Amino acid sequence: MRNLQKVMIGIFCGGVFLTGLGTGVAAYEASTFAYMGEKEAGPVEMKTESFEYAFEPKEEEKFRIGYYYGESQSEKELVQDPDVPENTVRFQLTYNSKAIRPYLECGEGDTAWVDYYYISDDFVTFMDCKDQIMKELKERKISSYHTPTVKEFKVLVNPATVDRVEFIR
C-alpha cells in the first residue's frame, strides 16, 4: 500500500511539473510574436450613398438627427450645402457594401437617422483570411482583423435650414 501511494504522489507531482513547464514554454513562445496592428478582413467594396428626409419645420422645436457614427466624424456638425432642398436633411454615408446594408429610419415625432444591418458572415470572412493568418503565425507575427463598416458619415442641410436641425444621442 505504501508503494502505491508513493507512485501516485510521484505521478501527481510529475503532472504538476509538466503542466508548469508547458505553461512556461507556451508563455515564452507567445511573447516572441510581433504584433502587426490592425488589418482589414473580408471583401471590401466602399460605396457612397445618400438618403434624404424631408420634414415640416415647427417653430417650437427643432428636427432631431440621431447620431451613431462617432468614429467616422470627430465633430458632430451639419454640413451646409445649398444643393440640398430647404427643410430636407441629406445623410451621406460611405460604407462597405459587402458587409452592411444601410437604411433610413424615422422615429416618432421629428427624428431621423441612418441605421444598418450586417450582411456579412464572420465565418466566411475568417475562411477568406485563414491563409494570411497561418502565414503570419509561421513568421511569428499576429494581427487584429476587422471588417470595415462605415467609413464616413455626413449630414448635409440647406444653409436656410441649419438653425432648425440638431443632433441627439
Protein backbone atom coordinates (compact mmCIF):
# COMPACT_ATOMS: atom_id res chain seq x y z
CA MET A 1 0.00 0.00 0.00
CA ARG A 2 2.82 2.40 0.80
CA ASN A 3 4.47 1.83 -2.57
CA LEU A 4 1.21 2.55 -4.40
CA GLN A 5 0.84 5.87 -2.53
CA LYS A 6 4.43 6.84 -3.37
CA VAL A 7 3.81 6.06 -7.06
CA MET A 8 0.56 8.07 -7.10
CA ILE A 9 2.23 11.06 -5.39
CA GLY A 10 5.12 10.82 -7.88
CA ILE A 11 2.71 10.78 -10.84
CA PHE A 12 0.80 13.76 -9.41
CA CYS A 13 3.99 15.77 -8.80
CA GLY A 14 5.27 14.87 -12.27
CA GLY A 15 1.98 16.07 -13.79
CA VAL A 16 2.19 19.37 -11.90
CA PHE A 17 5.80 19.83 -13.03
CA LEU A 18 4.99 19.07 -16.69
CA THR A 19 1.96 21.39 -16.59
CA GLY A 20 4.12 24.21 -15.22
CA LEU A 21 6.81 23.52 -17.77
CA GLY A 22 4.26 23.53 -20.62
CA THR A 23 2.75 26.79 -19.40
CA GLY A 24 6.19 28.40 -19.23
CA VAL A 25 7.10 27.26 -22.75
CA ALA A 26 3.74 28.48 -24.10
CA ALA A 27 4.17 31.88 -22.41
CA TYR A 28 7.69 32.21 -23.82
CA GLU A 29 6.52 31.28 -27.32
CA ALA A 30 3.63 33.76 -27.17
CA SER A 31 5.97 36.54 -26.02
CA THR A 32 8.15 36.12 -29.13
CA PHE A 33 5.31 37.06 -31.50
CA ALA A 34 5.36 40.53 -33.06
CA TYR A 35 2.09 42.47 -33.20
CA MET A 36 1.49 43.82 -36.70
CA GLY A 37 -1.51 46.09 -35.98
CA GLU A 38 -4.98 46.09 -37.50
CA LYS A 39 -5.79 44.76 -40.94
CA GLU A 40 -8.98 44.71 -42.96
CA ALA A 41 -10.65 41.35 -43.31
CA GLY A 42 -13.08 40.04 -45.86
CA PRO A 43 -14.24 41.61 -49.08
CA VAL A 44 -14.24 45.41 -49.09
CA GLU A 45 -16.24 47.41 -51.60
CA MET A 46 -16.69 51.00 -50.45
CA LYS A 47 -19.77 52.76 -51.72
CA THR A 48 -21.22 56.23 -51.07
CA GLU A 49 -24.98 56.57 -50.83
CA SER A 50 -27.29 59.43 -49.92
CA PHE A 51 -30.56 59.25 -48.02
CA GLU A 52 -32.91 62.24 -47.92
CA TYR A 53 -35.61 63.03 -45.43
CA ALA A 54 -37.97 66.00 -45.87
CA PHE A 55 -39.56 67.43 -42.74
CA GLU A 56 -42.12 70.04 -41.82
CA PRO A 57 -40.50 72.83 -39.80
CA LYS A 58 -42.06 73.67 -36.44
CA GLU A 59 -41.40 76.89 -34.61
CA GLU A 60 -41.36 75.43 -31.10
CA GLU A 61 -38.98 72.51 -31.70
CA LYS A 62 -36.12 71.51 -33.96
CA PHE A 63 -35.84 68.50 -36.23
CA ARG A 64 -33.60 65.94 -34.47
CA ILE A 65 -30.97 63.71 -36.02
CA GLY A 66 -29.81 60.54 -34.28
CA TYR A 67 -26.05 60.11 -34.44
CA TYR A 68 -24.25 56.76 -34.08
CA TYR A 69 -21.07 57.06 -36.11
CA GLY A 70 -18.72 58.72 -33.61
CA GLU A 71 -15.56 57.25 -35.07
CA SER A 72 -16.23 58.39 -38.62
CA GLN A 73 -16.63 62.09 -37.87
CA SER A 74 -14.99 63.63 -34.83
CA GLU A 75 -17.17 66.74 -34.76
CA LYS A 76 -20.92 66.43 -34.85
CA GLU A 77 -21.64 69.24 -37.20
CA LEU A 78 -24.02 69.86 -40.02
CA VAL A 79 -22.50 70.45 -43.41
CA GLN A 80 -24.21 73.36 -45.15
CA ASP A 81 -24.90 72.61 -48.79
CA PRO A 82 -27.04 74.91 -50.95
CA ASP A 83 -27.80 71.98 -53.31
CA VAL A 84 -29.92 70.32 -50.60
CA PRO A 85 -33.56 71.49 -50.74
CA GLU A 86 -34.85 73.54 -47.80
CA ASN A 87 -36.45 71.56 -44.93
CA THR A 88 -34.61 68.44 -46.06
CA VAL A 89 -31.79 66.51 -44.40
CA ARG A 90 -29.40 64.56 -46.62
CA PHE A 91 -27.45 61.76 -44.97
CA GLN A 92 -24.34 60.87 -46.93
CA LEU A 93 -22.78 57.56 -45.91
CA THR A 94 -19.62 55.89 -47.22
CA TYR A 95 -19.72 52.23 -46.25
CA ASN A 96 -18.58 48.71 -47.12
CA SER A 97 -21.39 47.35 -49.29
CA LYS A 98 -20.08 43.79 -48.82
CA ALA A 99 -20.53 43.98 -45.02
CA ILE A 100 -23.58 46.15 -44.25
CA ARG A 101 -26.79 47.44 -45.79
CA PRO A 102 -27.84 50.92 -44.58
CA TYR A 103 -31.38 52.26 -44.42
CA LEU A 104 -33.16 55.43 -43.33
CA GLU A 105 -35.00 55.11 -40.01
CA CYS A 106 -37.66 57.56 -38.84
CA GLY A 107 -38.71 57.71 -35.21
CA GLU A 108 -41.74 59.15 -33.52
CA GLY A 109 -42.06 62.90 -33.86
CA ASP A 110 -39.37 64.76 -35.72
CA THR A 111 -36.40 62.38 -35.57
CA ALA A 112 -34.47 60.55 -38.30
CA TRP A 113 -31.24 58.62 -38.56
CA VAL A 114 -29.45 56.15 -40.80
CA ASP A 115 -29.01 52.66 -39.39
CA TYR A 116 -27.70 49.43 -40.92
CA TYR A 117 -27.80 45.69 -40.60
CA TYR A 118 -24.96 43.26 -41.22
CA ILE A 119 -25.00 41.14 -44.34
CA SER A 120 -21.51 39.65 -43.95
CA ASP A 121 -20.78 36.27 -42.41
CA ASP A 122 -17.94 36.15 -39.87
CA PHE A 123 -17.10 32.53 -40.65
CA VAL A 124 -16.79 33.25 -44.38
CA THR A 125 -14.57 36.23 -43.53
CA PHE A 126 -12.40 34.02 -41.32
CA MET A 127 -12.08 31.41 -44.07
CA ASP A 128 -11.07 34.15 -46.53
CA CYS A 129 -8.33 35.28 -44.14
CA LYS A 130 -7.12 31.90 -42.83
CA ASP A 131 -4.21 31.66 -45.28
CA GLN A 132 -2.98 35.10 -44.25
CA ILE A 133 -3.35 34.21 -40.54
CA MET A 134 -1.42 30.94 -40.98
CA LYS A 135 1.33 32.70 -42.94
CA GLU A 136 1.70 35.29 -40.17
CA LEU A 137 1.80 32.60 -37.47
CA LYS A 138 4.63 30.83 -39.30
CA GLU A 139 6.50 34.16 -39.41
CA ARG A 140 5.85 34.65 -35.65
CA LYS A 141 3.57 37.61 -36.30
CA ILE A 142 -0.01 38.30 -35.27
CA SER A 143 -2.54 40.93 -36.33
CA SER A 144 -6.00 42.14 -35.38
CA TYR A 145 -8.54 41.71 -38.14
CA HIS A 146 -11.71 43.76 -38.54
CA THR A 147 -14.34 44.12 -41.21
CA PRO A 148 -14.79 47.77 -42.17
CA THR A 149 -18.38 49.01 -41.99
CA VAL A 150 -18.90 52.80 -42.01
CA LYS A 151 -16.03 54.94 -43.26
CA GLU A 152 -17.63 58.38 -43.41
CA PHE A 153 -20.94 59.85 -42.31
CA LYS A 154 -22.06 63.38 -43.20
CA VAL A 155 -25.28 65.24 -42.59
CA LEU A 156 -25.97 67.93 -45.17
CA VAL A 157 -28.62 70.64 -44.88
CA ASN A 158 -29.51 73.79 -46.73
CA PRO A 159 -27.99 76.93 -45.10
CA ALA A 160 -31.53 78.30 -44.57
CA THR A 161 -32.47 75.13 -42.64
CA VAL A 162 -29.39 74.73 -40.43
CA ASP A 163 -30.99 76.55 -37.46
CA ARG A 164 -33.97 74.17 -37.45
CA VAL A 165 -31.91 70.96 -37.05
CA GLU A 166 -29.98 69.46 -34.09
CA PHE A 167 -28.10 66.27 -33.17
CA ILE A 168 -29.23 63.93 -30.40
CA ARG A 169 -27.68 60.76 -28.95
